[in-house]
Amino acid sequence: MFGIIGTIISGLVVGVIAKVLMPGKDPGGFVMTILLGIAGSFLGGWGGRALGLYGEGESAGFIMSVLGSIALLFAYRMMKARQA
């Protein structure tokens, strides 16, 4: 149970940091921030394993999580801009 709560809290923190580091108007609220942070952690872990920075089964580091969240935030903004 604490693992899920910990993942949500860390996703929120990583998502907020990604939004702060990437200026501009964000088309998402609190829930989208959490989802971007969690997905960014997965993306950062996958990218880190592909680059050989992490072993199989290791979680992403904080910096890779933020970089993954920034990449997803950029993609999300581009998708929302095309819809408008």
PDB file of N, CA and C in Angstrom:
ATOM      1  N   MET A   1       0.825  -1.199   0.000  1.00  0.00           N
ATOM      2  CA  MET A   1       0.000   0.000   0.000  1.00  0.00           C
ATOM      3  C   MET A   1       0.865   1.257   0.000  1.00  0.00           C
ATOM      4  N   PHE A   2       1.921   1.265   0.820  1.00  0.00           N
ATOM      5  CA  PHE A   2       2.775   2.448   0.874  1.00  0.00           C
ATOM      6  C   PHE A   2       3.532   2.630  -0.431  1.00  0.00           C
ATOM      7  N   GLY A   3       3.788   1.564  -1.152  1.00  0.00           N
ATOM      8  CA  GLY A   3       4.478   1.664  -2.430  1.00  0.00           C
ATOM      9  C   GLY A   3       3.679   2.457  -3.436  1.00  0.00           C
ATOM     10  N   ILE A   4       2.389   2.242  -3.473  1.00  0.00           N
ATOM     11  CA  ILE A   4       1.531   2.973  -4.400  1.00  0.00           C
ATOM     12  C   ILE A   4       1.448   4.440  -4.000  1.00  0.00           C
ATOM     13  N   ILE A   5       1.288   4.712  -2.729  1.00  0.00           N
ATOM     14  CA  ILE A   5       1.223   6.090  -2.245  1.00  0.00           C
ATOM     15  C   ILE A   5       2.552   6.794  -2.485  1.00  0.00           C
ATOM     16  N   GLY A   6       3.651   6.102  -2.241  1.00  0.00           N
ATOM     17  CA  GLY A   6       4.972   6.666  -2.485  1.00  0.00           C
ATOM     18  C   GLY A   6       5.184   6.992  -3.959  1.00  0.00           C
ATOM     19  N   THR A   7       4.702   6.130  -4.841  1.00  0.00           N
ATOM     20  CA  THR A   7       4.804   6.369  -6.274  1.00  0.00           C
ATOM     21  C   THR A   7       4.002   7.599  -6.678  1.00  0.00           C
ATOM     22  N   ILE A   8       2.808   7.740  -6.138  1.00  0.00           N
ATOM     23  CA  ILE A   8       1.972   8.903  -6.459  1.00  0.00           C
ATOM     24  C   ILE A   8       2.617  10.188  -5.951  1.00  0.00           C
ATOM     25  N   ILE A   9       3.147  10.159  -4.738  1.00  0.00           N
ATOM     26  CA  ILE A   9       3.788  11.354  -4.172  1.00  0.00           C
ATOM     27  C   ILE A   9       5.039  11.720  -4.966  1.00  0.00           C
ATOM     28  N   SER A  10       5.877  10.729  -5.288  1.00  0.00           N
ATOM     29  CA  SER A  10       7.083  11.040  -6.062  1.00  0.00           C
ATOM     30  C   SER A  10       6.705  11.502  -7.470  1.00  0.00           C
ATOM     31  N   GLY A  11       5.647  10.933  -8.049  1.00  0.00           N
ATOM     32  CA  GLY A  11       5.173  11.388  -9.348  1.00  0.00           C
ATOM     33  C   GLY A  11       4.714  12.831  -9.304  1.00  0.00           C
ATOM     34  N   LEU A  12       4.045  13.213  -8.237  1.00  0.00           N
ATOM     35  CA  LEU A  12       3.612  14.599  -8.069  1.00  0.00           C
ATOM     36  C   LEU A  12       4.816  15.530  -7.992  1.00  0.00           C
ATOM     37  N   VAL A  13       5.803  15.159  -7.195  1.00  0.00           N
ATOM     38  CA  VAL A  13       6.993  15.997  -7.028  1.00  0.00           C
ATOM     39  C   VAL A  13       7.736  16.137  -8.360  1.00  0.00           C
ATOM     40  N   VAL A  14       7.955  15.019  -9.040  1.00  0.00           N
ATOM     41  CA  VAL A  14       8.663  15.054 -10.322  1.00  0.00           C
ATOM     42  C   VAL A  14       7.866  15.842 -11.355  1.00  0.00           C
ATOM     43  N   GLY A  15       6.555  15.660 -11.409  1.00  0.00           N
ATOM     44  CA  GLY A  15       5.716  16.401 -12.342  1.00  0.00           C
ATOM     45  C   GLY A  15       5.737  17.898 -12.090  1.00  0.00           C
ATOM     46  N   VAL A  16       5.689  18.304 -10.825  1.00  0.00           N
ATOM     47  CA  VAL A  16       5.739  19.727 -10.480  1.00  0.00           C
ATOM     48  C   VAL A  16       7.085  20.317 -10.888  1.00  0.00           C
ATOM     49  N   ILE A  17       8.162  19.612 -10.616  1.00  0.00           N
ATOM     50  CA  ILE A  17       9.491  20.106 -10.976  1.00  0.00           C
ATOM     51  C   ILE A  17       9.611  20.233 -12.495  1.00  0.00           C
ATOM     52  N   ALA A  18       9.081  19.268 -13.235  1.00  0.00           N
ATOM     53  CA  ALA A  18       9.115  19.344 -14.699  1.00  0.00           C
ATOM     54  C   ALA A  18       8.339  20.560 -15.193  1.00  0.00           C
ATOM     55  N   LYS A  19       7.181  20.834 -14.589  1.00  0.00           N
ATOM     56  CA  LYS A  19       6.393  21.997 -14.999  1.00  0.00           C
ATOM     57  C   LYS A  19       7.098  23.301 -14.651  1.00  0.00           C
ATOM     58  N   VAL A  20       7.814  23.335 -13.534  1.00  0.00           N
ATOM     59  CA  VAL A  20       8.546  24.540 -13.143  1.00  0.00           C
ATOM     60  C   VAL A  20       9.732  24.770 -14.084  1.00  0.00           C
ATOM     61  N   LEU A  21      10.428  23.695 -14.458  1.00  0.00           N
ATOM     62  CA  LEU A  21      11.603  23.824 -15.315  1.00  0.00           C
ATOM     63  C   LEU A  21      11.257  24.127 -16.769  1.00  0.00           C
ATOM     64  N   MET A  22      10.068  23.784 -17.188  1.00  0.00           N
ATOM     65  CA  MET A  22       9.654  24.013 -18.566  1.00  0.00           C
ATOM     66  C   MET A  22       8.611  25.122 -18.587  1.00  0.00           C
ATOM     67  N   PRO A  23       9.043  26.346 -18.928  1.00  0.00           N
ATOM     68  CA  PRO A  23       8.113  27.473 -18.874  1.00  0.00           C
ATOM     69  C   PRO A  23       7.035  27.383 -19.941  1.00  0.00           C
ATOM     70  N   GLY A  24       5.960  28.081 -19.690  1.00  0.00           N
ATOM     71  CA  GLY A  24       4.848  28.117 -20.637  1.00  0.00           C
ATOM     72  C   GLY A  24       3.561  27.690 -19.974  1.00  0.00           C
ATOM     73  N   LYS A  25       2.478  27.864 -20.721  1.00  0.00           N
ATOM     74  CA  LYS A  25       1.166  27.503 -20.203  1.00  0.00           C
ATOM     75  C   LYS A  25       0.957  26.002 -20.332  1.00  0.00           C
ATOM     76  N   ASP A  26       0.537  25.378 -19.258  1.00  0.00           N
ATOM     77  CA  ASP A  26       0.331  23.940 -19.235  1.00  0.00           C
ATOM     78  C   ASP A  26      -1.148  23.613 -19.299  1.00  0.00           C
ATOM     79  N   PRO A  27      -1.515  22.730 -20.224  1.00  0.00           N
ATOM     80  CA  PRO A  27      -2.926  22.364 -20.363  1.00  0.00           C
ATOM     81  C   PRO A  27      -3.340  21.215 -19.455  1.00  0.00           C
ATOM     82  N   GLY A  28      -2.916  21.239 -18.217  1.00  0.00           N
ATOM     83  CA  GLY A  28      -3.264  20.149 -17.319  1.00  0.00           C
ATOM     84  C   GLY A  28      -3.368  20.634 -15.888  1.00  0.00           C
ATOM     85  N   GLY A  29      -4.065  19.891 -15.095  1.00  0.00           N
ATOM     86  CA  GLY A  29      -4.228  20.247 -13.696  1.00  0.00           C
ATOM     87  C   GLY A  29      -3.425  19.334 -12.783  1.00  0.00           C
ATOM     88  N   PHE A  30      -3.915  19.194 -11.578  1.00  0.00           N
ATOM     89  CA  PHE A  30      -3.235  18.431 -10.532  1.00  0.00           C
ATOM     90  C   PHE A  30      -3.067  16.955 -10.905  1.00  0.00           C
ATOM     91  N   VAL A  31      -4.122  16.342 -11.391  1.00  0.00           N
ATOM     92  CA  VAL A  31      -4.072  14.917 -11.754  1.00  0.00           C
ATOM     93  C   VAL A  31      -3.126  14.704 -12.927  1.00  0.00           C
ATOM     94  N   MET A  32      -3.151  15.599 -13.910  1.00  0.00           N
ATOM     95  CA  MET A  32      -2.252  15.470 -15.058  1.00  0.00           C
ATOM     96  C   MET A  32      -0.800  15.625 -14.622  1.00  0.00           C
ATOM     97  N   THR A  33      -0.538  16.477 -13.645  1.00  0.00           N
ATOM     98  CA  THR A  33       0.817  16.630 -13.122  1.00  0.00           C
ATOM     99  C   THR A  33       1.306  15.318 -12.520  1.00  0.00           C
ATOM    100  N   ILE A  34       0.465  14.659 -11.746  1.00  0.00           N
ATOM    101  CA  ILE A  34       0.836  13.377 -11.142  1.00  0.00           C
ATOM    102  C   ILE A  34       1.077  12.331 -12.221  1.00  0.00           C
ATOM    103  N   LEU A  35       0.181  12.263 -13.193  1.00  0.00           N
ATOM    104  CA  LEU A  35       0.320  11.265 -14.253  1.00  0.00           C
ATOM    105  C   LEU A  35       1.574  11.500 -15.094  1.00  0.00           C
ATOM    106  N   LEU A  36       1.874  12.761 -15.402  1.00  0.00           N
ATOM    107  CA  LEU A  36       3.098  13.067 -16.141  1.00  0.00           C
ATOM    108  C   LEU A  36       4.336  12.687 -15.335  1.00  0.00           C
ATOM    109  N   GLY A  37       4.311  12.930 -14.042  1.00  0.00           N
ATOM    110  CA  GLY A  37       5.448  12.573 -13.193  1.00  0.00           C
ATOM    111  C   GLY A  37       5.669  11.068 -13.116  1.00  0.00           C
ATOM    112  N   ILE A  38       4.590  10.320 -12.939  1.00  0.00           N
ATOM    113  CA  ILE A  38       4.701   8.855 -12.859  1.00  0.00           C
ATOM    114  C   ILE A  38       5.156   8.287 -14.198  1.00  0.00           C
ATOM    115  N   ALA A  39       4.530   8.732 -15.282  1.00  0.00           N
ATOM    116  CA  ALA A  39       4.918   8.239 -16.602  1.00  0.00           C
ATOM    117  C   ALA A  39       6.335   8.675 -16.949  1.00  0.00           C
ATOM    118  N   GLY A  40       6.719   9.868 -16.536  1.00  0.00           N
ATOM    119  CA  GLY A  40       8.085  10.343 -16.765  1.00  0.00           C
ATOM    120  C   GLY A  40       9.109   9.506 -16.035  1.00  0.00           C
ATOM    121  N   SER A  41       8.765   9.033 -14.856  1.00  0.00           N
ATOM    122  CA  SER A  41       9.666   8.140 -14.125  1.00  0.00           C
ATOM    123  C   SER A  41       9.861   6.830 -14.868  1.00  0.00           C
ATOM    124  N   PHE A  42       8.764   6.298 -15.404  1.00  0.00           N
ATOM    125  CA  PHE A  42       8.876   5.068 -16.196  1.00  0.00           C
ATOM    126  C   PHE A  42       9.697   5.307 -17.460  1.00  0.00           C
ATOM    127  N   LEU A  43       9.438   6.432 -18.141  1.00  0.00           N
ATOM    128  CA  LEU A  43      10.180   6.755 -19.351  1.00  0.00           C
ATOM    129  C   LEU A  43      11.658   6.984 -19.043  1.00  0.00           C
ATOM    130  N   GLY A  44      11.947   7.680 -17.951  1.00  0.00           N
ATOM    131  CA  GLY A  44      13.334   7.912 -17.552  1.00  0.00           C
ATOM    132  C   GLY A  44      14.047   6.617 -17.201  1.00  0.00           C
ATOM    133  N   GLY A  45      13.353   5.713 -16.535  1.00  0.00           N
ATOM    134  CA  GLY A  45      13.942   4.411 -16.207  1.00  0.00           C
ATOM    135  C   GLY A  45      14.216   3.587 -17.447  1.00  0.00           C
ATOM    136  N   TRP A  46      13.275   3.600 -18.381  1.00  0.00           N
ATOM    137  CA  TRP A  46      13.448   2.862 -19.625  1.00  0.00           C
ATOM    138  C   TRP A  46      14.617   3.437 -20.423  1.00  0.00           C
ATOM    139  N   GLY A  47      14.674   4.770 -20.517  1.00  0.00           N
ATOM    140  CA  GLY A  47      15.768   5.419 -21.236  1.00  0.00           C
ATOM    141  C   GLY A  47      17.115   5.178 -20.574  1.00  0.00           C
ATOM    142  N   GLY A  48      17.133   5.209 -19.254  1.00  0.00           N
ATOM    143  CA  GLY A  48      18.371   4.945 -18.525  1.00  0.00           C
ATOM    144  C   GLY A  48      18.863   3.522 -18.723  1.00  0.00           C
ATOM    145  N   ARG A  49      17.938   2.562 -18.759  1.00  0.00           N
ATOM    146  CA  ARG A  49      18.328   1.172 -19.019  1.00  0.00           C
ATOM    147  C   ARG A  49      18.802   1.007 -20.455  1.00  0.00           C
ATOM    148  N   ALA A  50      18.183   1.715 -21.389  1.00  0.00           N
ATOM    149  CA  ALA A  50      18.601   1.639 -22.794  1.00  0.00           C
ATOM    150  C   ALA A  50      19.999   2.222 -22.981  1.00  0.00           C
ATOM    151  N   LEU A  51      20.328   3.242 -22.190  1.00  0.00           N
ATOM    152  CA  LEU A  51      21.653   3.851 -22.265  1.00  0.00           C
ATOM    153  C   LEU A  51      22.681   3.136 -21.401  1.00  0.00           C
ATOM    154  N   GLY A  52      22.243   2.154 -20.628  1.00  0.00           N
ATOM    155  CA  GLY A  52      23.155   1.411 -19.766  1.00  0.00           C
ATOM    156  C   GLY A  52      23.434   2.074 -18.430  1.00  0.00           C
ATOM    157  N   LEU A  53      22.621   3.070 -18.058  1.00  0.00           N
ATOM    158  CA  LEU A  53      22.819   3.765 -16.780  1.00  0.00           C
ATOM    159  C   LEU A  53      22.247   2.988 -15.601  1.00  0.00           C
ATOM    160  N   TYR A  54      21.216   2.192 -15.862  1.00  0.00           N
ATOM    161  CA  TYR A  54      20.559   1.417 -14.818  1.00  0.00           C
ATOM    162  C   TYR A  54      20.529  -0.039 -15.232  1.00  0.00           C
ATOM    163  N   GLY A  55      20.566  -0.908 -14.238  1.00  0.00           N
ATOM    164  CA  GLY A  55      20.423  -2.331 -14.494  1.00  0.00           C
ATOM    165  C   GLY A  55      18.955  -2.714 -14.554  1.00  0.00           C
ATOM    166  N   GLU A  56      18.694  -3.923 -15.001  1.00  0.00           N
ATOM    167  CA  GLU A  56      17.314  -4.419 -15.083  1.00  0.00           C
ATOM    168  C   GLU A  56      16.721  -4.483 -13.677  1.00  0.00           C
ATOM    169  N   GLY A  57      15.543  -3.945 -13.525  1.00  0.00           N
ATOM    170  CA  GLY A  57      14.865  -3.965 -12.237  1.00  0.00           C
ATOM    171  C   GLY A  57      15.156  -2.758 -11.361  1.00  0.00           C
ATOM    172  N   GLU A  58      16.103  -1.910 -11.740  1.00  0.00           N
ATOM    173  CA  GLU A  58      16.390  -0.702 -10.965  1.00  0.00           C
ATOM    174  C   GLU A  58      15.431   0.402 -11.372  1.00  0.00           C
ATOM    175  N   SER A  59      15.046   1.204 -10.418  1.00  0.00           N
ATOM    176  CA  SER A  59      14.154   2.318 -10.732  1.00  0.00           C
ATOM    177  C   SER A  59      14.972   3.494 -11.256  1.00  0.00           C
ATOM    178  N   ALA A  60      14.287   4.412 -11.891  1.00  0.00           N
ATOM    179  CA  ALA A  60      14.960   5.586 -12.461  1.00  0.00           C
ATOM    180  C   ALA A  60      15.446   6.506 -11.361  1.00  0.00           C
ATOM    181  N   GLY A  61      16.524   7.190 -11.625  1.00  0.00           N
ATOM    182  CA  GLY A  61      17.004   8.214 -10.714  1.00  0.00           C
ATOM    183  C   GLY A  61      16.147   9.457 -10.832  1.00  0.00           C
ATOM    184  N   PHE A  62      16.345  10.363  -9.919  1.00  0.00           N
ATOM    185  CA  PHE A  62      15.533  11.569  -9.861  1.00  0.00           C
ATOM    186  C   PHE A  62      15.692  12.406 -11.125  1.00  0.00           C
ATOM    187  N   ILE A  63      16.928  12.594 -11.579  1.00  0.00           N
ATOM    188  CA  ILE A  63      17.177  13.443 -12.745  1.00  0.00           C
ATOM    189  C   ILE A  63      16.568  12.821 -13.997  1.00  0.00           C
ATOM    190  N   MET A  64      16.733  11.523 -14.178  1.00  0.00           N
ATOM    191  CA  MET A  64      16.138  10.856 -15.345  1.00  0.00           C
ATOM    192  C   MET A  64      14.610  10.907 -15.282  1.00  0.00           C
ATOM    193  N   SER A  65      14.060  10.838 -14.093  1.00  0.00           N
ATOM    194  CA  SER A  65      12.604  10.951 -13.946  1.00  0.00           C
ATOM    195  C   SER A  65      12.119  12.326 -14.378  1.00  0.00           C
ATOM    196  N   VAL A  66      12.836  13.362 -13.967  1.00  0.00           N
ATOM    197  CA  VAL A  66      12.464  14.726 -14.356  1.00  0.00           C
ATOM    198  C   VAL A  66      12.627  14.907 -15.861  1.00  0.00           C
ATOM    199  N   LEU A  67      13.723  14.396 -16.443  1.00  0.00           N
ATOM    200  CA  LEU A  67      13.921  14.500 -17.892  1.00  0.00           C
ATOM    201  C   LEU A  67      12.819  13.769 -18.661  1.00  0.00           C
ATOM    202  N   GLY A  68      12.424  12.609 -18.174  1.00  0.00           N
ATOM    203  CA  GLY A  68      11.321  11.885 -18.803  1.00  0.00           C
ATOM    204  C   GLY A  68      10.015  12.648 -18.709  1.00  0.00           C
ATOM    205  N   SER A  69       9.774  13.284 -17.574  1.00  0.00           N
ATOM    206  CA  SER A  69       8.552  14.080 -17.396  1.00  0.00           C
ATOM    207  C   SER A  69       8.551  15.310 -18.295  1.00  0.00           C
ATOM    208  N   ILE A  70       9.717  15.933 -18.461  1.00  0.00           N
ATOM    209  CA  ILE A  70       9.812  17.087 -19.349  1.00  0.00           C
ATOM    210  C   ILE A  70       9.521  16.662 -20.789  1.00  0.00           C
ATOM    211  N   ALA A  71      10.057  15.515 -21.201  1.00  0.00           N
ATOM    212  CA  ALA A  71       9.803  15.013 -22.555  1.00  0.00           C
ATOM    213  C   ALA A  71       8.308  14.754 -22.759  1.00  0.00           C
ATOM    214  N   LEU A  72       7.672  14.151 -21.776  1.00  0.00           N
ATOM    215  CA  LEU A  72       6.232  13.888 -21.891  1.00  0.00           C
ATOM    216  C   LEU A  72       5.413  15.170 -21.853  1.00  0.00           C
ATOM    217  N   LEU A  73       5.829  16.136 -21.049  1.00  0.00           N
ATOM    218  CA  LEU A  73       5.131  17.414 -20.990  1.00  0.00           C
ATOM    219  C   LEU A  73       5.229  18.126 -22.337  1.00  0.00           C
ATOM    220  N   PHE A  74       6.395  18.073 -22.964  1.00  0.00           N
ATOM    221  CA  PHE A  74       6.580  18.667 -24.280  1.00  0.00           C
ATOM    222  C   PHE A  74       5.655  18.006 -25.302  1.00  0.00           C
ATOM    223  N   ALA A  75       5.619  16.688 -25.288  1.00  0.00           N
ATOM    224  CA  ALA A  75       4.759  15.952 -26.220  1.00  0.00           C
ATOM    225  C   ALA A  75       3.284  16.265 -25.956  1.00  0.00           C
ATOM    226  N   TYR A  76       2.904  16.353 -24.697  1.00  0.00           N
ATOM    227  CA  TYR A  76       1.520  16.662 -24.324  1.00  0.00           C
ATOM    228  C   TYR A  76       1.126  18.054 -24.814  1.00  0.00           C
ATOM    229  N   ARG A  77       2.033  19.019 -24.652  1.00  0.00           N
ATOM    230  CA  ARG A  77       1.756  20.374 -25.129  1.00  0.00           C
ATOM    231  C   ARG A  77       1.594  20.396 -26.644  1.00  0.00           C
ATOM    232  N   MET A  78       2.423  19.661 -27.351  1.00  0.00           N
ATOM    233  CA  MET A  78       2.328  19.629 -28.812  1.00  0.00           C
ATOM    234  C   MET A  78       0.995  19.010 -29.263  1.00  0.00           C
ATOM    235  N   MET A  79       0.569  17.962 -28.589  1.00  0.00           N
ATOM    236  CA  MET A  79      -0.708  17.338 -28.934  1.00  0.00           C
ATOM    237  C   MET A  79      -1.868  18.297 -28.679  1.00  0.00           C
ATOM    238  N   LYS A  80      -1.836  19.001 -27.562  1.00  0.00           N
ATOM    239  CA  LYS A  80      -2.915  19.940 -27.230  1.00  0.00           C
ATOM    240  C   LYS A  80      -2.903  21.133 -28.180  1.00  0.00           C
ATOM    241  N   ALA A  81      -1.726  21.566 -28.621  1.00  0.00           N
ATOM    242  CA  ALA A  81      -1.634  22.695 -29.547  1.00  0.00           C
ATOM    243  C   ALA A  81      -2.216  22.332 -30.912  1.00  0.00           C
ATOM    244  N   ARG A  82      -2.017  21.098 -31.341  1.00  0.00           N
ATOM    245  CA  ARG A  82      -2.561  20.667 -32.635  1.00  0.00           C
ATOM    246  C   ARG A  82      -4.083  20.535 -32.579  1.00  0.00           C
ATOM    247  N   GLN A  83      -4.629  20.211 -31.415  1.00  0.00           N
ATOM    248  CA  GLN A  83      -6.075  20.088 -31.291  1.00  0.00           C
ATOM    249  C   GLN A  83      -6.776  21.431 -31.292  1.00  0.00           C
ATOM    250  N   ALA A  84      -6.061  22.446 -30.850  1.00  0.00           N
ATOM    251  CA  ALA A  84      -6.668  23.788 -30.744  1.00  0.00           C
ATOM    252  C   ALA A  84      -6.746  24.498 -32.076  1.00  0.00           C
TER     253      ALA A  84
END
